[in-house]
Structure formats: C-alpha cells, structure tokens
Amino acid sequence: MIQLKDILYKVTINAVVGSTSVDVNMLHFDSREVSKGDVFVAIKGVASDGHTFIDKVIEKDVVAVICEHLPEVLKDGITYVEVASSSQAMAYMAANYYGNPSENLRLVGVTGTNGKTTVATLLYQLFKKAGFKVGLLSTVKIMVDTIEYKATHTTPDSLTINKYLQLMNNEGVEYCFMEVSSHGIHQNRTTGLSFEGGIFTNISHDHLDYHNTFAEYRDVKKAFFDQLSKQAFALVNIDDKNGLFMMQNTKAKKYTYALKTYADYKAQILENELSGLLLKLNGNELWTKLIGNFNAYNVAAIYGAAELLGLEKVEILRLISELESVSGRFQYLISDEKVTAIVDYAHTPDALKNVLETINSIRTKNEELITVVGCGGDRDKTKRPKMGHIASSLSTKVIFTSDNPRSETPEAIIEDIEKGVEPQNFKKTISITDRKQAIKTACQMANSNDIILIAGKGHETYQEIKGERFDFDDYKIVQDVLKQLQK
C-alpha cells in the first residue's frame, strides 16, 4: 500500500490540514468513481468544477481531498491538501502512484493540428516491424504492444496515461509513441511524463472554441516543447511558419524536417500517384504506399524520429516502404466499376485543403471529384464557412451533410458551411442532412473513374446525435453501397 506523502512528490503545495502518512487506495477526479480509502482530486473542468463535489466524496469515506481552495468546513479524519493547480497535482500524483512508468520507456510525443495520429501510428508500425515491443496512445486506439484497448480521447487524462504506461512496463515495452493534443497540454495531462522526444507536424485553424485565439492555441502547443529536457530531441516541420517558434525556448536538441526548405531531414516528391509516393529522402530514393504531399511530410518526420531513436538508415528506409496507411487517413477502395472512394478524417480547413489538393494533383481532370463533408456540432463554428469554401472550390461536386451534430441541428451546421460557398460554386453543391443518404447519393452520381471523398469522420465508427452514439462507419457504408450498385 502506498502512502499519500509518497505520491505528493513534485506537487506545489500551499497548505496541508491533517496527516499525509495515510494509506491510499486509488486516485480519482470523477466523484462518481470514488470509494472508501481513495484520494479525490477536485479539478476545475470546462463543464463542471470538482470542488462542488467535495461534500459528496467525503460521505464515501475518502482519506484525502486535493483542492485549489479549502472548503469552509473541514471534517476530522480527512487530509486536505491545498495545491496551486489541481490538474498539475493530479498529473504528478498519477505518475508517482504508478511508479513513474514513462521513465522506463523511450516515450515520444507528437503534436500539431494535422498528422498526429498518422505519425504516431506509423512510428508504432515501424518499430514493431523492427522487432521491438512498442506502445501507442492515439485517437484511434491504445496499443500495449499487441494488446489493443479502446481510445476515448486524443490525449487521455493523466491517470489513464500512467495506467497504460505501467501496463507497457509490465509487458516489457521499450518504445511508446503518443499523440499530444492542445487540450491535453493545457489541462496538464502530460505533465510529469518523461519524454525522449517531441515532434511538431504543423499548426492551422482548429479548436478555437476552446482556446479563444490562434495565438493561444499556438502557445499551448509550444508549451510542450518548452517542457522537454536537454536529453530529449525536438523535431519540427520547418516548412510550417510556426516550426521555429516551437523550438524557441526548448532545452531539447533541435532538429528539422521539410519538403521546401533546407532541413536535417529533407524529402522531395519524385512521383505522386494513387498507388503511393516515390520520394527522395536525404539523398535516398524510397517508395511508400502512403499517398499525397502531406504524407511526404509524415514520412520525413518518422524517418527523422527513427534515426534519432537509433535505428539504422537503411533499415528505416526498408521499413517505411512496408508501412500501411492508417485507418481513416486517406483510406481508399476502388469498385469494380472503377469508382474510387476515399475516406479521410479531414475535419479542419487545412486538412480538407491538403486532401483535396492531393487528389487534384493525382487525377487527370477528366473525372468528377465528388466531396461529401460536414462539420461537428458544439465545436468551433468559425471554421464551418472555410470548410464550405474549400470543398466547393476544389471539388467538381459537393454534398454538405451531417457529421457529429451533437446537441446542434444538422440543418443549422450545414447553413453555416454554405455561407463560405462563392456564387460561382453554388451550382456544384447540394445538401443532404442524412449522412448515409449523402454517401449513397455520391455513389449514385459517380461514373467510372470518378473519385468520391468522404471527409470529416475517418476512423470513427459512430455518429453522435443529441447525446447518443449510433453505429456509423463511413468506410463500411461506402463499401456496401458501391457493392450494391454493382449488382
């Protein structure tokens, strides 16, 4: 049994009432999960404040309460610890509780607006193929070597992260690659972790419903690199105008990758086809099944990271050529009627633009490019017209539809998207609220050699409507519809 005083290491404490020499069963920040002998950490969240549940958890016989301000009435027999930041305290306490598992791994964090999942997942694939035991913490799934767990957040809470990192320690995992979201950084979910490296992919318009301004969003991303140690490496995309900014105050060793600029890891696209990319990477030619210039950046990033982690250059090149695309990231199929359907997670203006420009660079222009796209409800509304503008400008036909409307009506979201369509593109667009019907219509509109892009949900296997999640898989639906149309 561990004691409270043992897990308070590194926590900034303002005051203690009671004894810290008490046995701790478990840590919790959700009052509903608390039971006898636990420690409750009261965190001020976006939707609710854990401080309002302190009285309730005391009734459940917790041994201690961690909070940012002490309650007016203090109950005998309970230890109260007042801290500067509850979320930061929980992160350090979680790491201490689970035995600081990140220190026993070679942990690399990947941050940026687009490409996090792809880079982290491809690095997981690459190191598995190289014969190592590997971990992955991603939007799509959590992997403890070969054991898969369901992911609920891009960057889980600090308790969940450390629990899985401890499982990785128990399984003898050597390397772990994790997505680091801006929410995760801002909410201290990655505080207390020992990173061997950090990768910056790019930054563009996203999450402004949470961060208020682009500068605030960018600065939060930068905070991840500010916290890296001098033993770590920072690998950034220097073609992004904020790449150098990310490294300004880092103590880590600095490295760069790029397609357009001189960099430590320089990629050049020699051929770009629907079957893959021929690249020149630091002077070596390489074929990869991954598609599009955004994947050329991802390949440069994983090549650089793998080399910085000690793999041999020749082996890295060989392994990259074997990598498969990530679920829901430019995942495509070609029907018997020669209709190509592409499913992609592109849910930001920049990601949608990248995917459409990639398709346009590959296609002959004799075929139609039909895009099916929507925007999520209860999220950043300012990007909706931008998505409408990009989709209608870069496609020959567009169907605006529902994504995950959540508590909003799909019609209201589509109306916001349509505001970005310029008059000359009105005729290209139609709106179909039902996403399954929108996909079906796109398939019915498509002729031989046409390309359908279904954007926004990618790997997701659900649709969230009015607080409920319904089974919904873009890839499975388009696959089924195209099969039915062939009969």
Protein backbone atom coordinates (compact mmCIF):
# COMPACT_ATOMS: atom_id res chain seq x y z
CA MET A 1 0.00 0.00 0.00
CA ILE A 2 1.30 3.44 -0.95
CA GLN A 3 1.00 6.49 1.32
CA LEU A 4 -0.22 9.97 0.44
CA LYS A 5 3.16 11.55 1.25
CA ASP A 6 4.82 9.23 -1.31
CA ILE A 7 2.67 10.44 -4.20
CA LEU A 8 2.89 14.18 -3.46
CA TYR A 9 6.46 14.38 -4.81
CA LYS A 10 6.87 17.42 -7.14
CA VAL A 11 3.38 18.79 -6.28
CA THR A 12 3.29 22.52 -5.44
CA ILE A 13 1.54 22.54 -2.05
CA ASN A 14 0.11 25.68 -0.43
CA ALA A 15 -1.32 24.12 2.75
CA VAL A 16 -1.95 20.75 4.43
CA VAL A 17 -4.62 20.01 7.02
CA GLY A 18 -4.26 16.55 8.57
CA SER A 19 -1.67 13.82 8.09
CA THR A 20 -0.04 12.79 4.81
CA SER A 21 1.05 9.48 6.41
CA VAL A 22 -2.18 7.79 5.37
CA ASP A 23 -2.60 4.77 3.10
CA VAL A 24 -4.06 5.47 -0.35
CA ASN A 25 -6.22 3.00 -2.22
CA MET A 26 -6.74 4.85 -5.53
CA LEU A 27 -6.74 8.34 -7.08
CA HIS A 28 -9.87 9.78 -8.69
CA PHE A 29 -11.01 13.08 -10.18
CA ASP A 30 -14.52 11.80 -11.02
CA SER A 31 -16.63 11.92 -7.84
CA ARG A 32 -18.82 9.09 -9.15
CA GLU A 33 -15.90 6.65 -9.15
CA VAL A 34 -14.67 7.36 -5.62
CA SER A 35 -14.83 4.67 -2.91
CA LYS A 36 -13.52 4.13 0.62
CA GLY A 37 -9.80 4.82 1.10
CA ASP A 38 -9.42 6.82 -2.14
CA VAL A 39 -7.98 10.28 -2.76
CA PHE A 40 -10.25 12.74 -4.57
CA VAL A 41 -8.66 15.44 -6.72
CA ALA A 42 -11.02 18.40 -7.23
CA ILE A 43 -10.37 19.77 -10.73
CA LYS A 44 -11.99 22.80 -12.33
CA GLY A 45 -13.12 21.46 -15.69
CA VAL A 46 -14.74 23.05 -18.73
CA ALA A 47 -18.22 21.73 -17.88
CA SER A 48 -18.05 21.34 -14.08
CA ASP A 49 -15.93 22.13 -11.01
CA GLY A 50 -14.82 19.20 -8.87
CA HIS A 51 -14.77 21.45 -5.79
CA THR A 52 -18.59 21.37 -5.76
CA PHE A 53 -18.48 17.56 -5.18
CA ILE A 54 -16.16 17.57 -2.14
CA ASP A 55 -19.03 17.09 0.36
CA LYS A 56 -20.33 14.11 -1.65
CA VAL A 57 -16.98 12.30 -1.76
CA ILE A 58 -16.43 12.85 1.97
CA GLU A 59 -19.61 10.81 2.56
CA LYS A 60 -17.88 7.96 0.65
CA ASP A 61 -15.02 7.82 3.21
CA VAL A 62 -12.17 9.22 1.12
CA VAL A 63 -8.90 9.57 3.03
CA ALA A 64 -7.83 12.82 1.37
CA VAL A 65 -9.00 15.70 -0.79
CA ILE A 66 -6.68 17.60 -3.12
CA CYS A 67 -8.07 21.04 -3.99
CA GLU A 68 -7.16 24.57 -5.06
CA HIS A 69 -9.09 26.18 -2.18
CA LEU A 70 -10.01 24.55 1.12
CA PRO A 71 -13.70 24.05 1.95
CA GLU A 72 -15.15 26.28 4.67
CA VAL A 73 -15.98 23.25 6.83
CA LEU A 74 -13.20 20.69 7.32
CA LYS A 75 -14.11 17.21 8.51
CA ASP A 76 -11.95 15.47 11.13
CA GLY A 77 -10.04 12.43 9.98
CA ILE A 78 -9.69 13.62 6.38
CA THR A 79 -6.50 15.11 4.99
CA TYR A 80 -6.91 18.25 2.90
CA VAL A 81 -4.08 19.36 0.60
CA GLU A 82 -4.38 22.79 -0.99
CA VAL A 83 -2.37 22.99 -4.21
CA ALA A 84 -1.54 25.64 -6.80
CA SER A 85 -3.09 23.62 -9.64
CA SER A 86 -5.26 20.52 -9.15
CA SER A 87 -4.75 19.25 -12.72
CA GLN A 88 -0.98 19.60 -12.41
CA ALA A 89 -1.05 17.97 -8.96
CA MET A 90 -3.04 15.03 -10.32
CA ALA A 91 -0.56 14.53 -13.16
CA TYR A 92 2.42 14.32 -10.77
CA MET A 93 0.44 12.18 -8.31
CA ALA A 94 -0.68 9.82 -11.07
CA ALA A 95 2.92 9.38 -12.27
CA ASN A 96 4.12 8.75 -8.69
CA TYR A 97 1.22 6.38 -7.92
CA TYR A 98 2.01 4.21 -10.95
CA GLY A 99 5.77 4.25 -10.30
CA ASN A 100 6.73 6.89 -12.90
CA PRO A 101 6.39 4.40 -15.78
CA SER A 102 7.39 6.90 -18.50
CA GLU A 103 10.95 6.87 -17.12
CA ASN A 104 11.24 3.20 -18.11
CA LEU A 105 10.19 3.85 -21.73
CA ARG A 106 11.55 5.74 -24.69
CA LEU A 107 8.48 7.99 -24.96
CA VAL A 108 7.93 10.29 -27.94
CA GLY A 109 5.06 12.81 -28.14
CA VAL A 110 3.58 14.02 -31.44
CA THR A 111 1.73 17.35 -31.54
CA GLY A 112 0.26 19.54 -34.28
CA THR A 113 -3.12 20.23 -35.88
CA ASN A 114 -2.94 17.51 -38.55
CA GLY A 115 -0.88 14.33 -38.84
CA LYS A 116 -0.57 13.40 -35.15
CA THR A 117 -2.38 10.08 -35.48
CA THR A 118 -0.60 9.14 -38.70
CA VAL A 119 2.91 9.94 -37.42
CA ALA A 120 2.39 8.21 -34.04
CA THR A 121 0.75 5.14 -35.62
CA LEU A 122 3.35 4.79 -38.39
CA LEU A 123 6.16 5.01 -35.82
CA TYR A 124 4.39 2.28 -33.82
CA GLN A 125 4.16 0.14 -37.01
CA LEU A 126 7.78 0.82 -37.96
CA PHE A 127 9.26 -0.12 -34.57
CA LYS A 128 7.04 -3.22 -34.37
CA LYS A 129 8.37 -4.30 -37.79
CA ALA A 130 11.91 -3.62 -36.49
CA GLY A 131 11.29 -6.27 -33.80
CA PHE A 132 10.66 -4.12 -30.72
CA LYS A 133 7.87 -4.20 -28.15
CA VAL A 134 6.02 -0.92 -28.73
CA GLY A 135 3.21 1.13 -27.20
CA LEU A 136 0.79 3.59 -28.82
CA LEU A 137 -1.55 6.20 -27.32
CA SER A 138 -3.63 7.63 -30.17
CA THR A 139 -7.04 8.99 -31.16
CA VAL A 140 -7.86 5.69 -32.87
CA LYS A 141 -6.66 3.18 -30.27
CA ILE A 142 -4.27 2.38 -27.43
CA MET A 143 -1.79 -0.43 -28.03
CA VAL A 144 0.22 -2.15 -25.30
CA ASP A 145 2.49 -4.00 -27.72
CA THR A 146 0.00 -6.36 -29.42
CA ILE A 147 -2.92 -5.82 -27.00
CA GLU A 148 -5.48 -3.25 -28.20
CA TYR A 149 -7.59 -1.02 -25.95
CA LYS A 150 -10.30 1.46 -26.93
CA ALA A 151 -9.32 5.14 -27.02
CA THR A 152 -11.75 7.79 -25.76
CA HIS A 153 -9.63 10.96 -26.11
CA THR A 154 -6.71 12.03 -28.30
CA THR A 155 -4.69 12.52 -25.11
CA PRO A 156 -6.29 10.66 -22.17
CA ASP A 157 -6.35 12.04 -18.60
CA SER A 158 -3.10 11.70 -16.63
CA LEU A 159 -4.38 8.75 -14.57
CA THR A 160 -5.28 6.79 -17.70
CA ILE A 161 -1.98 7.65 -19.42
CA ASN A 162 0.10 6.44 -16.48
CA LYS A 163 -2.05 3.31 -16.02
CA TYR A 164 -1.36 2.27 -19.63
CA LEU A 165 2.32 3.24 -19.40
CA GLN A 166 2.61 0.97 -16.34
CA LEU A 167 0.96 -1.84 -18.34
CA MET A 168 3.59 -1.22 -21.03
CA ASN A 169 6.33 -1.52 -18.39
CA ASN A 170 4.82 -4.83 -17.25
CA GLU A 171 4.80 -6.12 -20.86
CA GLY A 172 8.42 -5.12 -21.46
CA VAL A 173 7.57 -2.35 -23.95
CA GLU A 174 10.66 -0.33 -24.97
CA TYR A 175 9.24 2.47 -27.15
CA CYS A 176 5.96 4.38 -26.89
CA PHE A 177 4.50 6.94 -29.30
CA MET A 178 1.67 9.18 -28.18
CA GLU A 179 -0.44 11.96 -29.61
CA VAL A 180 -0.24 15.14 -27.57
CA SER A 181 -3.28 17.37 -28.11
CA SER A 182 -3.55 21.04 -27.22
CA HIS A 183 -6.32 20.16 -24.74
CA GLY A 184 -4.00 17.59 -23.17
CA ILE A 185 -1.16 20.09 -22.79
CA HIS A 186 -3.42 22.86 -21.47
CA GLN A 187 -5.06 20.53 -18.93
CA ASN A 188 -1.69 19.20 -17.69
CA ARG A 189 -2.43 15.64 -18.83
CA THR A 190 1.18 15.16 -20.00
CA THR A 191 2.79 16.90 -17.00
CA GLY A 192 5.18 14.65 -15.07
CA LEU A 193 5.91 12.42 -18.07
CA SER A 194 9.49 11.84 -19.18
CA PHE A 195 9.67 12.38 -22.96
CA GLU A 196 12.67 11.35 -25.02
CA GLY A 197 11.41 13.38 -27.96
CA GLY A 198 8.74 15.68 -29.31
CA ILE A 199 7.55 16.02 -32.93
CA PHE A 200 5.71 19.05 -34.34
CA THR A 201 3.76 18.36 -37.55
CA ASN A 202 2.02 21.68 -38.38
CA ILE A 203 -0.48 24.15 -36.98
CA SER A 204 -3.61 25.61 -38.54
CA HIS A 205 -7.14 26.71 -37.67
CA ASP A 206 -8.70 24.37 -35.07
CA HIS A 207 -10.11 24.20 -31.54
CA LEU A 208 -10.78 27.95 -31.34
CA ASP A 209 -13.97 27.10 -29.45
CA TYR A 210 -11.62 26.06 -26.61
CA HIS A 211 -8.53 28.24 -26.99
CA ASN A 212 -10.25 31.55 -27.96
CA THR A 213 -7.45 32.77 -30.25
CA PHE A 214 -4.99 31.18 -32.67
CA ALA A 215 -2.07 32.69 -30.69
CA GLU A 216 -3.29 30.97 -27.52
CA TYR A 217 -3.67 27.65 -29.39
CA ARG A 218 -0.14 28.01 -30.84
CA ASP A 219 1.37 28.94 -27.46
CA VAL A 220 -0.16 25.88 -25.80
CA LYS A 221 1.46 23.65 -28.44
CA LYS A 222 4.77 25.41 -27.81
CA ALA A 223 4.49 24.72 -24.05
CA PHE A 224 5.02 21.01 -24.80
CA PHE A 225 8.45 21.76 -26.32
CA ASP A 226 9.29 24.23 -23.53
CA GLN A 227 8.96 21.34 -21.06
CA LEU A 228 11.29 18.91 -22.87
CA SER A 229 14.58 18.13 -21.12
CA LYS A 230 18.04 18.74 -22.58
CA GLN A 231 18.40 14.96 -23.04
CA ALA A 232 15.36 14.93 -25.37
CA PHE A 233 15.05 15.85 -29.05
CA ALA A 234 12.65 18.32 -30.68
CA LEU A 235 11.87 17.51 -34.33
CA VAL A 236 9.81 20.16 -36.14
CA ASN A 237 8.36 20.78 -39.59
CA ILE A 238 10.32 23.84 -40.69
CA ASP A 239 8.07 24.45 -43.72
CA ASP A 240 5.38 25.48 -41.22
CA LYS A 241 5.91 29.15 -40.32
CA ASN A 242 5.50 28.27 -36.62
CA GLY A 243 8.07 25.47 -36.70
CA LEU A 244 10.96 27.59 -35.45
CA PHE A 245 8.68 29.26 -32.90
CA MET A 246 8.00 25.87 -31.29
CA MET A 247 11.73 25.44 -30.57
CA GLN A 248 12.48 28.96 -29.28
CA ASN A 249 12.77 28.12 -25.58
CA THR A 250 13.26 24.37 -25.63
CA LYS A 251 16.25 22.84 -23.85
CA ALA A 252 15.98 19.79 -26.15
CA LYS A 253 18.33 19.08 -29.06
CA LYS A 254 16.81 20.72 -32.15
CA TYR A 255 16.18 19.01 -35.50
CA THR A 256 14.09 19.92 -38.55
CA TYR A 257 12.30 18.24 -41.46
CA ALA A 258 10.83 19.75 -44.62
CA LEU A 259 9.88 19.42 -48.27
CA LYS A 260 10.54 23.01 -49.36
CA THR A 261 13.27 24.28 -47.04
CA TYR A 262 16.79 23.13 -46.16
CA ALA A 263 16.42 20.78 -43.18
CA ASP A 264 18.10 17.94 -41.29
CA TYR A 265 15.58 15.57 -42.88
CA LYS A 266 14.64 16.70 -46.38
CA ALA A 267 12.05 14.92 -48.53
CA GLN A 268 11.36 15.54 -52.21
CA ILE A 269 8.39 14.11 -54.12
CA LEU A 270 9.51 12.44 -57.36
CA GLU A 271 6.19 10.71 -58.21
CA ASN A 272 2.75 11.15 -56.66
CA GLU A 273 0.15 8.52 -57.61
CA LEU A 274 -2.92 6.88 -56.12
CA SER A 275 -0.76 3.80 -55.51
CA GLY A 276 1.80 5.72 -53.46
CA LEU A 277 4.75 8.13 -53.44
CA LEU A 278 8.26 7.95 -54.83
CA LEU A 279 10.40 10.15 -52.59
CA LYS A 280 13.98 11.24 -52.32
CA LEU A 281 14.77 11.37 -48.60
CA ASN A 282 18.17 12.74 -47.58
CA GLY A 283 19.51 11.62 -50.97
CA ASN A 284 17.95 8.13 -50.90
CA GLU A 285 15.08 7.09 -53.16
CA LEU A 286 12.15 5.47 -51.41
CA TRP A 287 8.75 4.09 -52.48
CA THR A 288 5.89 4.24 -49.98
CA LYS A 289 2.25 3.12 -50.20
CA LEU A 290 1.27 6.35 -48.42
CA ILE A 291 -0.32 8.98 -50.67
CA GLY A 292 -0.08 12.76 -51.03
CA ASN A 293 2.30 15.56 -50.12
CA PHE A 294 1.04 15.65 -46.51
CA ASN A 295 2.21 12.04 -46.20
CA ALA A 296 5.60 13.05 -47.63
CA TYR A 297 5.88 15.29 -44.55
CA ASN A 298 4.79 12.42 -42.30
CA VAL A 299 7.39 10.11 -43.84
CA ALA A 300 10.13 12.72 -43.28
CA ALA A 301 9.02 13.02 -39.65
CA ILE A 302 9.07 9.28 -38.95
CA TYR A 303 12.38 8.85 -40.78
CA GLY A 304 13.92 11.61 -38.63
CA ALA A 305 12.44 10.30 -35.38
CA ALA A 306 13.52 6.70 -36.10
CA GLU A 307 17.08 7.83 -36.81
CA LEU A 308 17.16 9.99 -33.67
CA LEU A 309 15.99 6.94 -31.70
CA GLY A 310 18.93 4.94 -33.03
CA LEU A 311 17.70 2.83 -35.94
CA GLU A 312 19.98 2.33 -38.95
CA LYS A 313 19.18 4.48 -42.03
CA VAL A 314 19.00 1.56 -44.46
CA GLU A 315 16.67 -0.36 -42.16
CA ILE A 316 14.42 2.69 -41.69
CA LEU A 317 14.06 3.12 -45.47
CA ARG A 318 13.21 -0.57 -45.90
CA LEU A 319 10.63 -0.48 -43.10
CA ILE A 320 8.96 2.70 -44.36
CA SER A 321 8.37 1.02 -47.72
CA GLU A 322 6.37 -1.70 -45.90
CA LEU A 323 4.10 0.65 -43.90
CA GLU A 324 0.33 0.63 -44.47
CA SER A 325 -1.94 3.68 -44.33
CA VAL A 326 -3.66 4.41 -41.03
CA SER A 327 -7.38 3.66 -40.58
CA GLY A 328 -9.49 6.59 -41.78
CA ARG A 329 -6.49 8.52 -43.13
CA PHE A 330 -6.70 8.60 -46.94
CA GLN A 331 -8.13 5.10 -46.78
CA TYR A 332 -9.41 4.16 -50.23
CA LEU A 333 -11.09 1.45 -52.23
CA ILE A 334 -11.76 1.06 -55.97
CA SER A 335 -15.05 -0.56 -57.01
CA ASP A 336 -15.49 -2.98 -59.91
CA GLU A 337 -16.95 -0.03 -61.85
CA LYS A 338 -13.61 1.81 -61.32
CA VAL A 339 -15.09 4.36 -58.87
CA THR A 340 -12.50 5.39 -56.26
CA ALA A 341 -13.85 6.16 -52.78
CA ILE A 342 -11.54 7.85 -50.25
CA VAL A 343 -12.36 8.13 -46.54
CA ASP A 344 -10.37 10.72 -44.60
CA TYR A 345 -10.53 12.27 -41.12
CA ALA A 346 -10.01 15.78 -42.60
CA HIS A 347 -12.10 17.89 -40.22
CA THR A 348 -10.14 21.15 -40.31
CA PRO A 349 -9.90 23.62 -43.22
CA ASP A 350 -6.19 22.91 -43.68
CA ALA A 351 -6.61 19.11 -43.64
CA LEU A 352 -9.51 19.26 -46.12
CA LYS A 353 -7.48 21.54 -48.42
CA ASN A 354 -4.49 19.17 -48.25
CA VAL A 355 -6.57 16.11 -49.11
CA LEU A 356 -8.43 17.81 -51.99
CA GLU A 357 -5.22 19.29 -53.43
CA THR A 358 -3.60 15.85 -53.22
CA ILE A 359 -6.49 14.24 -55.11
CA ASN A 360 -6.44 17.03 -57.71
CA SER A 361 -2.69 16.59 -58.21
CA ILE A 362 -3.23 12.87 -58.94
CA ARG A 363 -6.39 12.90 -61.07
CA THR A 364 -6.44 13.60 -64.82
CA LYS A 365 -9.27 16.21 -64.58
CA ASN A 366 -11.41 14.12 -66.97
CA GLU A 367 -13.25 12.64 -64.00
CA GLU A 368 -15.51 14.12 -61.33
CA LEU A 369 -14.32 14.73 -57.77
CA ILE A 370 -17.39 14.42 -55.54
CA THR A 371 -16.88 15.51 -51.92
CA VAL A 372 -19.15 14.58 -49.01
CA VAL A 373 -18.41 16.75 -45.97
CA GLY A 374 -19.95 18.19 -42.81
CA CYS A 375 -18.79 19.78 -39.55
CA GLY A 376 -19.14 18.68 -35.92
CA GLY A 377 -21.70 20.31 -33.65
CA ASP A 378 -20.77 22.13 -30.40
CA ARG A 379 -17.31 22.87 -31.78
CA ASP A 380 -15.52 25.82 -33.40
CA LYS A 381 -18.17 27.46 -35.63
CA THR A 382 -15.73 29.85 -37.34
CA LYS A 383 -14.20 27.05 -39.42
CA ARG A 384 -17.53 25.99 -41.00
CA PRO A 385 -17.67 28.61 -43.81
CA LYS A 386 -13.98 27.93 -44.53
CA MET A 387 -14.74 24.23 -44.96
CA GLY A 388 -17.61 25.12 -47.33
CA HIS A 389 -15.37 27.45 -49.35
CA ILE A 390 -12.55 24.89 -49.68
CA ALA A 391 -14.83 21.95 -50.55
CA SER A 392 -16.77 23.88 -53.21
CA SER A 393 -13.65 25.47 -54.72
CA LEU A 394 -11.59 22.29 -55.04
CA SER A 395 -14.29 19.73 -55.96
CA THR A 396 -16.45 19.34 -59.06
CA LYS A 397 -19.48 18.41 -56.92
CA VAL A 398 -20.12 18.73 -53.18
CA ILE A 399 -22.69 17.24 -50.84
CA PHE A 400 -22.91 19.03 -47.49
CA THR A 401 -24.18 16.69 -44.79
CA SER A 402 -24.23 15.85 -41.10
CA ASP A 403 -21.04 14.93 -39.22
CA ASN A 404 -21.42 14.55 -35.43
CA PRO A 405 -24.12 17.19 -34.83
CA ARG A 406 -24.13 16.55 -31.07
CA SER A 407 -26.64 18.98 -29.50
CA GLU A 408 -26.97 21.18 -32.61
CA THR A 409 -29.30 20.57 -35.55
CA PRO A 410 -27.54 19.36 -38.72
CA GLU A 411 -29.51 21.93 -40.74
CA ALA A 412 -28.03 24.84 -38.72
CA ILE A 413 -24.49 23.48 -39.14
CA ILE A 414 -24.95 23.00 -42.90
CA GLU A 415 -26.28 26.56 -43.15
CA ASP A 416 -23.04 27.82 -41.56
CA ILE A 417 -20.96 25.73 -44.01
CA GLU A 418 -22.90 27.05 -47.02
CA LYS A 419 -22.03 30.66 -46.09
CA GLY A 420 -18.50 30.04 -47.37
CA VAL A 421 -19.58 28.97 -50.87
CA GLU A 422 -18.87 31.62 -53.52
CA PRO A 423 -21.67 32.41 -56.05
CA GLN A 424 -19.85 30.73 -58.96
CA ASN A 425 -19.79 27.46 -56.97
CA PHE A 426 -23.47 27.39 -55.88
CA LYS A 427 -24.42 25.00 -58.70
CA LYS A 428 -21.82 22.47 -57.55
CA THR A 429 -23.39 21.99 -54.13
CA ILE A 430 -26.36 20.15 -52.68
CA SER A 431 -27.30 19.47 -49.04
CA ILE A 432 -28.47 16.12 -47.71
CA THR A 433 -28.85 16.05 -43.92
CA ASP A 434 -28.75 12.26 -43.55
CA ARG A 435 -25.07 11.24 -43.87
CA LYS A 436 -25.80 7.71 -45.09
CA GLN A 437 -28.10 9.08 -47.80
CA ALA A 438 -25.44 11.66 -48.73
CA ILE A 439 -22.85 8.89 -49.21
CA LYS A 440 -25.36 6.83 -51.20
CA THR A 441 -26.16 9.83 -53.43
CA ALA A 442 -22.46 10.48 -54.08
CA CYS A 443 -22.06 6.84 -55.16
CA GLN A 444 -25.11 7.09 -57.45
CA MET A 445 -23.71 10.28 -59.02
CA ALA A 446 -20.30 8.73 -59.69
CA ASN A 447 -19.36 7.20 -63.04
CA SER A 448 -16.38 5.06 -63.97
CA ASN A 449 -13.04 6.67 -62.93
CA ASP A 450 -14.75 9.30 -60.75
CA ILE A 451 -13.42 9.94 -57.25
CA ILE A 452 -15.54 10.30 -54.10
CA LEU A 453 -14.04 11.88 -50.97
CA ILE A 454 -15.91 11.30 -47.72
CA ALA A 455 -14.34 13.70 -45.24
CA GLY A 456 -14.58 14.51 -41.55
CA LYS A 457 -15.07 11.29 -39.60
CA GLY A 458 -12.35 8.97 -40.87
CA HIS A 459 -11.75 6.16 -38.37
CA GLU A 460 -14.83 6.94 -36.24
CA THR A 461 -17.38 4.13 -36.05
CA TYR A 462 -20.21 6.19 -34.58
CA GLN A 463 -22.30 9.30 -35.13
CA GLU A 464 -23.12 11.44 -32.10
CA ILE A 465 -26.63 12.93 -32.11
CA LYS A 466 -28.34 14.57 -29.10
CA GLY A 467 -26.06 12.88 -26.55
CA GLU A 468 -26.38 9.40 -28.11
CA ARG A 469 -23.85 7.49 -30.18
CA PHE A 470 -25.15 5.46 -33.12
CA ASP A 471 -23.11 2.93 -35.12
CA PHE A 472 -21.76 4.66 -38.24
CA ASP A 473 -18.68 3.79 -40.27
CA ASP A 474 -18.02 5.85 -43.44
CA TYR A 475 -15.71 3.23 -44.95
CA LYS A 476 -18.09 0.32 -44.35
CA ILE A 477 -21.08 2.29 -45.68
CA VAL A 478 -19.40 3.40 -48.92
CA GLN A 479 -18.04 -0.14 -49.42
CA ASP A 480 -21.55 -1.63 -49.02
CA VAL A 481 -23.25 0.98 -51.22
CA LEU A 482 -20.75 0.55 -54.09
CA LYS A 483 -21.18 -3.24 -53.90
CA GLN A 484 -24.99 -2.90 -54.09
CA LEU A 485 -24.76 -0.56 -57.09
CA GLN A 486 -22.60 -3.12 -58.94
CA LYS A 487 -25.33 -5.79 -58.75
